[in-house]
Amino acid sequence: MSIVWLIIVGAAAGFLATRLMRIEAGIVQTVAIGMAGALIGGLVIRFLLVISGLLAGLVGAVLGALLLIWLWKTVFER
């Protein structure tokens, strides 16, 4: 079932991409473009999520450290 789904999604993505880029392609080329685009797009999205996840972790750690410093100064430096 996943192969059929991949072909259907590839056909839809390829159709939209070929229409947006205004190129003429046959059915096989359209499906191939869509499937390859899904593969490339999936890899790019995963890479960006990893990078943004790392940056989000850094931002969270800095915010947590700032909160801890504020609590330390508030509680222990009266």
PDB file of N, CA and C in Angstrom:
ATOM      1  N   MET A   1       0.820  -1.197   0.000  1.00  0.00           N
ATOM      2  CA  MET A   1       0.000   0.000   0.000  1.00  0.00           C
ATOM      3  C   MET A   1       0.863   1.259   0.000  1.00  0.00           C
ATOM      4  N   SER A   2       2.028   1.235   0.651  1.00  0.00           N
ATOM      5  CA  SER A   2       2.861   2.436   0.707  1.00  0.00           C
ATOM      6  C   SER A   2       3.421   2.798  -0.669  1.00  0.00           C
ATOM      7  N   ILE A   3       3.682   1.817  -1.521  1.00  0.00           N
ATOM      8  CA  ILE A   3       4.174   2.103  -2.880  1.00  0.00           C
ATOM      9  C   ILE A   3       3.080   2.806  -3.677  1.00  0.00           C
ATOM     10  N   VAL A   4       1.860   2.333  -3.543  1.00  0.00           N
ATOM     11  CA  VAL A   4       0.742   2.964  -4.252  1.00  0.00           C
ATOM     12  C   VAL A   4       0.563   4.401  -3.761  1.00  0.00           C
ATOM     13  N   TRP A   5       0.644   4.590  -2.456  1.00  0.00           N
ATOM     14  CA  TRP A   5       0.506   5.935  -1.883  1.00  0.00           C
ATOM     15  C   TRP A   5       1.625   6.850  -2.374  1.00  0.00           C
ATOM     16  N   LEU A   6       2.854   6.317  -2.434  1.00  0.00           N
ATOM     17  CA  LEU A   6       3.989   7.096  -2.925  1.00  0.00           C
ATOM     18  C   LEU A   6       3.765   7.520  -4.370  1.00  0.00           C
ATOM     19  N   ILE A   7       3.233   6.650  -5.175  1.00  0.00           N
ATOM     20  CA  ILE A   7       2.972   6.980  -6.584  1.00  0.00           C
ATOM     21  C   ILE A   7       1.868   8.035  -6.689  1.00  0.00           C
ATOM     22  N   ILE A   8       0.827   7.898  -5.877  1.00  0.00           N
ATOM     23  CA  ILE A   8      -0.271   8.868  -5.919  1.00  0.00           C
ATOM     24  C   ILE A   8       0.213  10.248  -5.473  1.00  0.00           C
ATOM     25  N   VAL A   9       0.931  10.295  -4.357  1.00  0.00           N
ATOM     26  CA  VAL A   9       1.451  11.577  -3.871  1.00  0.00           C
ATOM     27  C   VAL A   9       2.471  12.138  -4.852  1.00  0.00           C
ATOM     28  N   GLY A  10       3.321  11.266  -5.410  1.00  0.00           N
ATOM     29  CA  GLY A  10       4.294  11.713  -6.402  1.00  0.00           C
ATOM     30  C   GLY A  10       3.629  12.290  -7.632  1.00  0.00           C
ATOM     31  N   ALA A  11       2.545  11.656  -8.062  1.00  0.00           N
ATOM     32  CA  ALA A  11       1.825  12.160  -9.229  1.00  0.00           C
ATOM     33  C   ALA A  11       1.215  13.527  -8.935  1.00  0.00           C
ATOM     34  N   ALA A  12       0.628  13.676  -7.760  1.00  0.00           N
ATOM     35  CA  ALA A  12       0.021  14.960  -7.412  1.00  0.00           C
ATOM     36  C   ALA A  12       1.079  16.054  -7.276  1.00  0.00           C
ATOM     37  N   ALA A  13       2.179  15.736  -6.573  1.00  0.00           N
ATOM     38  CA  ALA A  13       3.249  16.723  -6.393  1.00  0.00           C
ATOM     39  C   ALA A  13       3.899  17.068  -7.726  1.00  0.00           C
ATOM     40  N   GLY A  14       4.134  16.071  -8.540  1.00  0.00           N
ATOM     41  CA  GLY A  14       4.718  16.314  -9.860  1.00  0.00           C
ATOM     42  C   GLY A  14       3.802  17.142 -10.738  1.00  0.00           C
ATOM     43  N   PHE A  15       2.502  16.840 -10.688  1.00  0.00           N
ATOM     44  CA  PHE A  15       1.536  17.615 -11.466  1.00  0.00           C
ATOM     45  C   PHE A  15       1.564  19.082 -11.052  1.00  0.00           C
ATOM     46  N   LEU A  16       1.506  19.325  -9.730  1.00  0.00           N
ATOM     47  CA  LEU A  16       1.527  20.712  -9.252  1.00  0.00           C
ATOM     48  C   LEU A  16       2.841  21.406  -9.606  1.00  0.00           C
ATOM     49  N   ALA A  17       3.954  20.691  -9.438  1.00  0.00           N
ATOM     50  CA  ALA A  17       5.261  21.299  -9.731  1.00  0.00           C
ATOM     51  C   ALA A  17       5.418  21.619 -11.212  1.00  0.00           C
ATOM     52  N   THR A  18       4.982  20.699 -12.080  1.00  0.00           N
ATOM     53  CA  THR A  18       5.118  20.965 -13.520  1.00  0.00           C
ATOM     54  C   THR A  18       4.207  22.099 -13.952  1.00  0.00           C
ATOM     55  N   ARG A  19       3.048  22.233 -13.329  1.00  0.00           N
ATOM     56  CA  ARG A  19       2.158  23.336 -13.686  1.00  0.00           C
ATOM     57  C   ARG A  19       2.702  24.666 -13.165  1.00  0.00           C
ATOM     58  N   LEU A  20       3.230  24.657 -11.945  1.00  0.00           N
ATOM     59  CA  LEU A  20       3.788  25.894 -11.385  1.00  0.00           C
ATOM     60  C   LEU A  20       5.023  26.359 -12.150  1.00  0.00           C
ATOM     61  N   MET A  21       5.842  25.408 -12.612  1.00  0.00           N
ATOM     62  CA  MET A  21       7.050  25.755 -13.357  1.00  0.00           C
ATOM     63  C   MET A  21       6.782  25.880 -14.855  1.00  0.00           C
ATOM     64  N   ARG A  22       5.564  25.603 -15.259  1.00  0.00           N
ATOM     65  CA  ARG A  22       5.125  25.707 -16.661  1.00  0.00           C
ATOM     66  C   ARG A  22       5.997  24.908 -17.613  1.00  0.00           C
ATOM     67  N   ILE A  23       6.156  23.608 -17.295  1.00  0.00           N
ATOM     68  CA  ILE A  23       6.866  22.712 -18.208  1.00  0.00           C
ATOM     69  C   ILE A  23       5.924  21.595 -18.634  1.00  0.00           C
ATOM     70  N   GLU A  24       6.181  21.066 -19.795  1.00  0.00           N
ATOM     71  CA  GLU A  24       5.395  19.950 -20.301  1.00  0.00           C
ATOM     72  C   GLU A  24       6.153  18.666 -20.023  1.00  0.00           C
ATOM     73  N   ALA A  25       5.497  17.711 -19.382  1.00  0.00           N
ATOM     74  CA  ALA A  25       6.111  16.429 -19.082  1.00  0.00           C
ATOM     75  C   ALA A  25       5.047  15.350 -19.209  1.00  0.00           C
ATOM     76  N   GLY A  26       5.491  14.153 -19.557  1.00  0.00           N
ATOM     77  CA  GLY A  26       4.575  13.026 -19.648  1.00  0.00           C
ATOM     78  C   GLY A  26       4.198  12.531 -18.262  1.00  0.00           C
ATOM     79  N   ILE A  27       3.338  11.540 -18.236  1.00  0.00           N
ATOM     80  CA  ILE A  27       2.859  11.014 -16.960  1.00  0.00           C
ATOM     81  C   ILE A  27       4.002  10.403 -16.159  1.00  0.00           C
ATOM     82  N   VAL A  28       4.850   9.615 -16.799  1.00  0.00           N
ATOM     83  CA  VAL A  28       5.954   8.960 -16.092  1.00  0.00           C
ATOM     84  C   VAL A  28       6.935   9.999 -15.553  1.00  0.00           C
ATOM     85  N   GLN A  29       7.271  10.983 -16.367  1.00  0.00           N
ATOM     86  CA  GLN A  29       8.180  12.027 -15.917  1.00  0.00           C
ATOM     87  C   GLN A  29       7.568  12.847 -14.784  1.00  0.00           C
ATOM     88  N   THR A  30       6.272  13.116 -14.865  1.00  0.00           N
ATOM     89  CA  THR A  30       5.598  13.888 -13.823  1.00  0.00           C
ATOM     90  C   THR A  30       5.629  13.145 -12.494  1.00  0.00           C
ATOM     91  N   VAL A  31       5.327  11.841 -12.521  1.00  0.00           N
ATOM     92  CA  VAL A  31       5.363  11.033 -11.301  1.00  0.00           C
ATOM     93  C   VAL A  31       6.795  10.954 -10.767  1.00  0.00           C
ATOM     94  N   ALA A  32       7.772  10.775 -11.660  1.00  0.00           N
ATOM     95  CA  ALA A  32       9.176  10.690 -11.235  1.00  0.00           C
ATOM     96  C   ALA A  32       9.641  12.006 -10.614  1.00  0.00           C
ATOM     97  N   ILE A  33       9.241  13.116 -11.215  1.00  0.00           N
ATOM     98  CA  ILE A  33       9.592  14.426 -10.654  1.00  0.00           C
ATOM     99  C   ILE A  33       8.987  14.579  -9.266  1.00  0.00           C
ATOM    100  N   GLY A  34       7.737  14.192  -9.110  1.00  0.00           N
ATOM    101  CA  GLY A  34       7.069  14.305  -7.819  1.00  0.00           C
ATOM    102  C   GLY A  34       7.698  13.417  -6.759  1.00  0.00           C
ATOM    103  N   MET A  35       8.041  12.170  -7.125  1.00  0.00           N
ATOM    104  CA  MET A  35       8.658  11.258  -6.161  1.00  0.00           C
ATOM    105  C   MET A  35      10.053  11.734  -5.770  1.00  0.00           C
ATOM    106  N   ALA A  36      10.835  12.187  -6.741  1.00  0.00           N
ATOM    107  CA  ALA A  36      12.178  12.705  -6.436  1.00  0.00           C
ATOM    108  C   ALA A  36      12.083  13.978  -5.602  1.00  0.00           C
ATOM    109  N   GLY A  37      11.119  14.824  -5.923  1.00  0.00           N
ATOM    110  CA  GLY A  37      10.910  16.042  -5.150  1.00  0.00           C
ATOM    111  C   GLY A  37      10.512  15.737  -3.718  1.00  0.00           C
ATOM    112  N   ALA A  38       9.692  14.706  -3.534  1.00  0.00           N
ATOM    113  CA  ALA A  38       9.302  14.316  -2.179  1.00  0.00           C
ATOM    114  C   ALA A  38      10.502  13.813  -1.396  1.00  0.00           C
ATOM    115  N   LEU A  39      11.374  13.070  -2.047  1.00  0.00           N
ATOM    116  CA  LEU A  39      12.571  12.569  -1.384  1.00  0.00           C
ATOM    117  C   LEU A  39      13.493  13.722  -0.984  1.00  0.00           C
ATOM    118  N   ILE A  40      13.758  14.612  -1.914  1.00  0.00           N
ATOM    119  CA  ILE A  40      14.638  15.754  -1.641  1.00  0.00           C
ATOM    120  C   ILE A  40      14.007  16.674  -0.595  1.00  0.00           C
ATOM    121  N   GLY A  41      12.723  16.970  -0.756  1.00  0.00           N
ATOM    122  CA  GLY A  41      12.040  17.834   0.204  1.00  0.00           C
ATOM    123  C   GLY A  41      12.007  17.225   1.596  1.00  0.00           C
ATOM    124  N   GLY A  42      11.793  15.918   1.683  1.00  0.00           N
ATOM    125  CA  GLY A  42      11.784  15.251   2.978  1.00  0.00           C
ATOM    126  C   GLY A  42      13.138  15.329   3.663  1.00  0.00           C
ATOM    127  N   LEU A  43      14.203  15.157   2.893  1.00  0.00           N
ATOM    128  CA  LEU A  43      15.546  15.251   3.470  1.00  0.00           C
ATOM    129  C   LEU A  43      15.853  16.668   3.942  1.00  0.00           C
ATOM    130  N   VAL A  44      15.460  17.650   3.149  1.00  0.00           N
ATOM    131  CA  VAL A  44      15.699  19.046   3.522  1.00  0.00           C
ATOM    132  C   VAL A  44      14.918  19.400   4.789  1.00  0.00           C
ATOM    133  N   ILE A  45      13.655  18.987   4.850  1.00  0.00           N
ATOM    134  CA  ILE A  45      12.833  19.280   6.023  1.00  0.00           C
ATOM    135  C   ILE A  45      13.414  18.612   7.264  1.00  0.00           C
ATOM    136  N   ARG A  46      13.837  17.352   7.141  1.00  0.00           N
ATOM    137  CA  ARG A  46      14.435  16.671   8.291  1.00  0.00           C
ATOM    138  C   ARG A  46      15.701  17.378   8.751  1.00  0.00           C
ATOM    139  N   PHE A  47      16.526  17.819   7.804  1.00  0.00           N
ATOM    140  CA  PHE A  47      17.753  18.530   8.149  1.00  0.00           C
ATOM    141  C   PHE A  47      17.434  19.835   8.877  1.00  0.00           C
ATOM    142  N   LEU A  48      16.461  20.585   8.349  1.00  0.00           N
ATOM    143  CA  LEU A  48      16.087  21.856   8.979  1.00  0.00           C
ATOM    144  C   LEU A  48      15.496  21.638  10.370  1.00  0.00           C
ATOM    145  N   LEU A  49      14.732  20.565  10.539  1.00  0.00           N
ATOM    146  CA  LEU A  49      14.170  20.282  11.857  1.00  0.00           C
ATOM    147  C   LEU A  49      15.257  19.924  12.859  1.00  0.00           C
ATOM    148  N   VAL A  50      16.275  19.195  12.408  1.00  0.00           N
ATOM    149  CA  VAL A  50      17.383  18.861  13.300  1.00  0.00           C
ATOM    150  C   VAL A  50      18.123  20.123  13.709  1.00  0.00           C
ATOM    151  N   ILE A  51      18.419  20.984  12.729  1.00  0.00           N
ATOM    152  CA  ILE A  51      19.129  22.228  13.012  1.00  0.00           C
ATOM    153  C   ILE A  51      18.288  23.120  13.930  1.00  0.00           C
ATOM    154  N   SER A  52      17.011  23.283  13.610  1.00  0.00           N
ATOM    155  CA  SER A  52      16.173  24.127  14.449  1.00  0.00           C
ATOM    156  C   SER A  52      15.961  23.495  15.814  1.00  0.00           C
ATOM    157  N   GLY A  53      15.958  22.157  15.872  1.00  0.00           N
ATOM    158  CA  GLY A  53      15.849  21.479  17.162  1.00  0.00           C
ATOM    159  C   GLY A  53      17.056  21.751  18.034  1.00  0.00           C
ATOM    160  N   LEU A  54      18.237  21.732  17.419  1.00  0.00           N
ATOM    161  CA  LEU A  54      19.449  22.034  18.174  1.00  0.00           C
ATOM    162  C   LEU A  54      19.446  23.480  18.652  1.00  0.00           C
ATOM    163  N   LEU A  55      19.033  24.391  17.777  1.00  0.00           N
ATOM    164  CA  LEU A  55      18.972  25.806  18.164  1.00  0.00           C
ATOM    165  C   LEU A  55      17.911  26.028  19.232  1.00  0.00           C
ATOM    166  N   ALA A  56      16.785  25.326  19.116  1.00  0.00           N
ATOM    167  CA  ALA A  56      15.745  25.456  20.134  1.00  0.00           C
ATOM    168  C   ALA A  56      16.259  24.943  21.473  1.00  0.00           C
ATOM    169  N   GLY A  57      17.042  23.870  21.448  1.00  0.00           N
ATOM    170  CA  GLY A  57      17.628  23.359  22.680  1.00  0.00           C
ATOM    171  C   GLY A  57      18.581  24.359  23.298  1.00  0.00           C
ATOM    172  N   LEU A  58      19.370  25.030  22.474  1.00  0.00           N
ATOM    173  CA  LEU A  58      20.299  26.048  22.969  1.00  0.00           C
ATOM    174  C   LEU A  58      19.539  27.229  23.566  1.00  0.00           C
ATOM    175  N   VAL A  59      18.516  27.692  22.865  1.00  0.00           N
ATOM    176  CA  VAL A  59      17.714  28.812  23.365  1.00  0.00           C
ATOM    177  C   VAL A  59      17.041  28.425  24.679  1.00  0.00           C
ATOM    178  N   GLY A  60      16.496  27.215  24.748  1.00  0.00           N
ATOM    179  CA  GLY A  60      15.869  26.758  25.978  1.00  0.00           C
ATOM    180  C   GLY A  60      16.858  26.668  27.130  1.00  0.00           C
ATOM    181  N   ALA A  61      18.069  26.191  26.835  1.00  0.00           N
ATOM    182  CA  ALA A  61      19.092  26.091  27.879  1.00  0.00           C
ATOM    183  C   ALA A  61      19.499  27.469  28.390  1.00  0.00           C
ATOM    184  N   VAL A  62      19.646  28.420  27.486  1.00  0.00           N
ATOM    185  CA  VAL A  62      20.012  29.785  27.905  1.00  0.00           C
ATOM    186  C   VAL A  62      18.895  30.404  28.731  1.00  0.00           C
ATOM    187  N   LEU A  63      17.656  30.234  28.297  1.00  0.00           N
ATOM    188  CA  LEU A  63      16.533  30.779  29.065  1.00  0.00           C
ATOM    189  C   LEU A  63      16.437  30.127  30.439  1.00  0.00           C
ATOM    190  N   GLY A  64      16.661  28.824  30.494  1.00  0.00           N
ATOM    191  CA  GLY A  64      16.654  28.133  31.773  1.00  0.00           C
ATOM    192  C   GLY A  64      17.764  28.628  32.687  1.00  0.00           C
ATOM    193  N   ALA A  65      18.947  28.853  32.146  1.00  0.00           N
ATOM    194  CA  ALA A  65      20.071  29.367  32.936  1.00  0.00           C
ATOM    195  C   ALA A  65      19.782  30.777  33.434  1.00  0.00           C
ATOM    196  N   LEU A  66      19.178  31.604  32.589  1.00  0.00           N
ATOM    197  CA  LEU A  66      18.811  32.954  33.021  1.00  0.00           C
ATOM    198  C   LEU A  66      17.798  32.914  34.168  1.00  0.00           C
ATOM    199  N   LEU A  67      16.819  32.035  34.051  1.00  0.00           N
ATOM    200  CA  LEU A  67      15.833  31.890  35.117  1.00  0.00           C
ATOM    201  C   LEU A  67      16.483  31.423  36.411  1.00  0.00           C
ATOM    202  N   LEU A  68      17.392  30.471  36.304  1.00  0.00           N
ATOM    203  CA  LEU A  68      18.076  29.965  37.486  1.00  0.00           C
ATOM    204  C   LEU A  68      18.917  31.059  38.150  1.00  0.00           C
ATOM    205  N   ILE A  69      19.619  31.851  37.362  1.00  0.00           N
ATOM    206  CA  ILE A  69      20.414  32.956  37.904  1.00  0.00           C
ATOM    207  C   ILE A  69      19.506  33.966  38.582  1.00  0.00           C
ATOM    208  N   TRP A  70      18.379  34.294  37.965  1.00  0.00           N
ATOM    209  CA  TRP A  70      17.434  35.237  38.562  1.00  0.00           C
ATOM    210  C   TRP A  70      16.900  34.709  39.888  1.00  0.00           C
ATOM    211  N   LEU A  71      16.523  33.429  39.909  1.00  0.00           N
ATOM    212  CA  LEU A  71      16.051  32.832  41.167  1.00  0.00           C
ATOM    213  C   LEU A  71      17.138  32.849  42.230  1.00  0.00           C
ATOM    214  N   TRP A  72      18.351  32.533  41.860  1.00  0.00           N
ATOM    215  CA  TRP A  72      19.477  32.514  42.799  1.00  0.00           C
ATOM    216  C   TRP A  72      19.680  33.901  43.414  1.00  0.00           C
ATOM    217  N   LYS A  73      19.677  34.919  42.550  1.00  0.00           N
ATOM    218  CA  LYS A  73      19.885  36.294  43.040  1.00  0.00           C
ATOM    219  C   LYS A  73      18.702  36.747  43.898  1.00  0.00           C
ATOM    220  N   THR A  74      17.498  36.344  43.527  1.00  0.00           N
ATOM    221  CA  THR A  74      16.300  36.759  44.261  1.00  0.00           C
ATOM    222  C   THR A  74      16.259  36.084  45.641  1.00  0.00           C
ATOM    223  N   VAL A  75      16.572  34.824  45.725  1.00  0.00           N
ATOM    224  CA  VAL A  75      16.410  34.080  46.973  1.00  0.00           C
ATOM    225  C   VAL A  75      17.618  34.261  47.905  1.00  0.00           C
ATOM    226  N   PHE A  76      18.803  34.197  47.377  1.00  0.00           N
ATOM    227  CA  PHE A  76      20.001  34.156  48.235  1.00  0.00           C
ATOM    228  C   PHE A  76      20.703  35.495  48.425  1.00  0.00           C
ATOM    229  N   GLU A  77      20.348  36.518  47.701  1.00  0.00           N
ATOM    230  CA  GLU A  77      21.007  37.812  47.863  1.00  0.00           C
ATOM    231  C   GLU A  77      20.023  38.851  48.386  1.00  0.00           C
ATOM    232  N   ARG A  78      19.505  38.598  49.545  1.00  0.00           N
ATOM    233  CA  ARG A  78      18.552  39.545  50.142  1.00  0.00           C
ATOM    234  C   ARG A  78      19.259  40.526  50.977  1.00  0.00           C
TER     235      ARG A  78
END
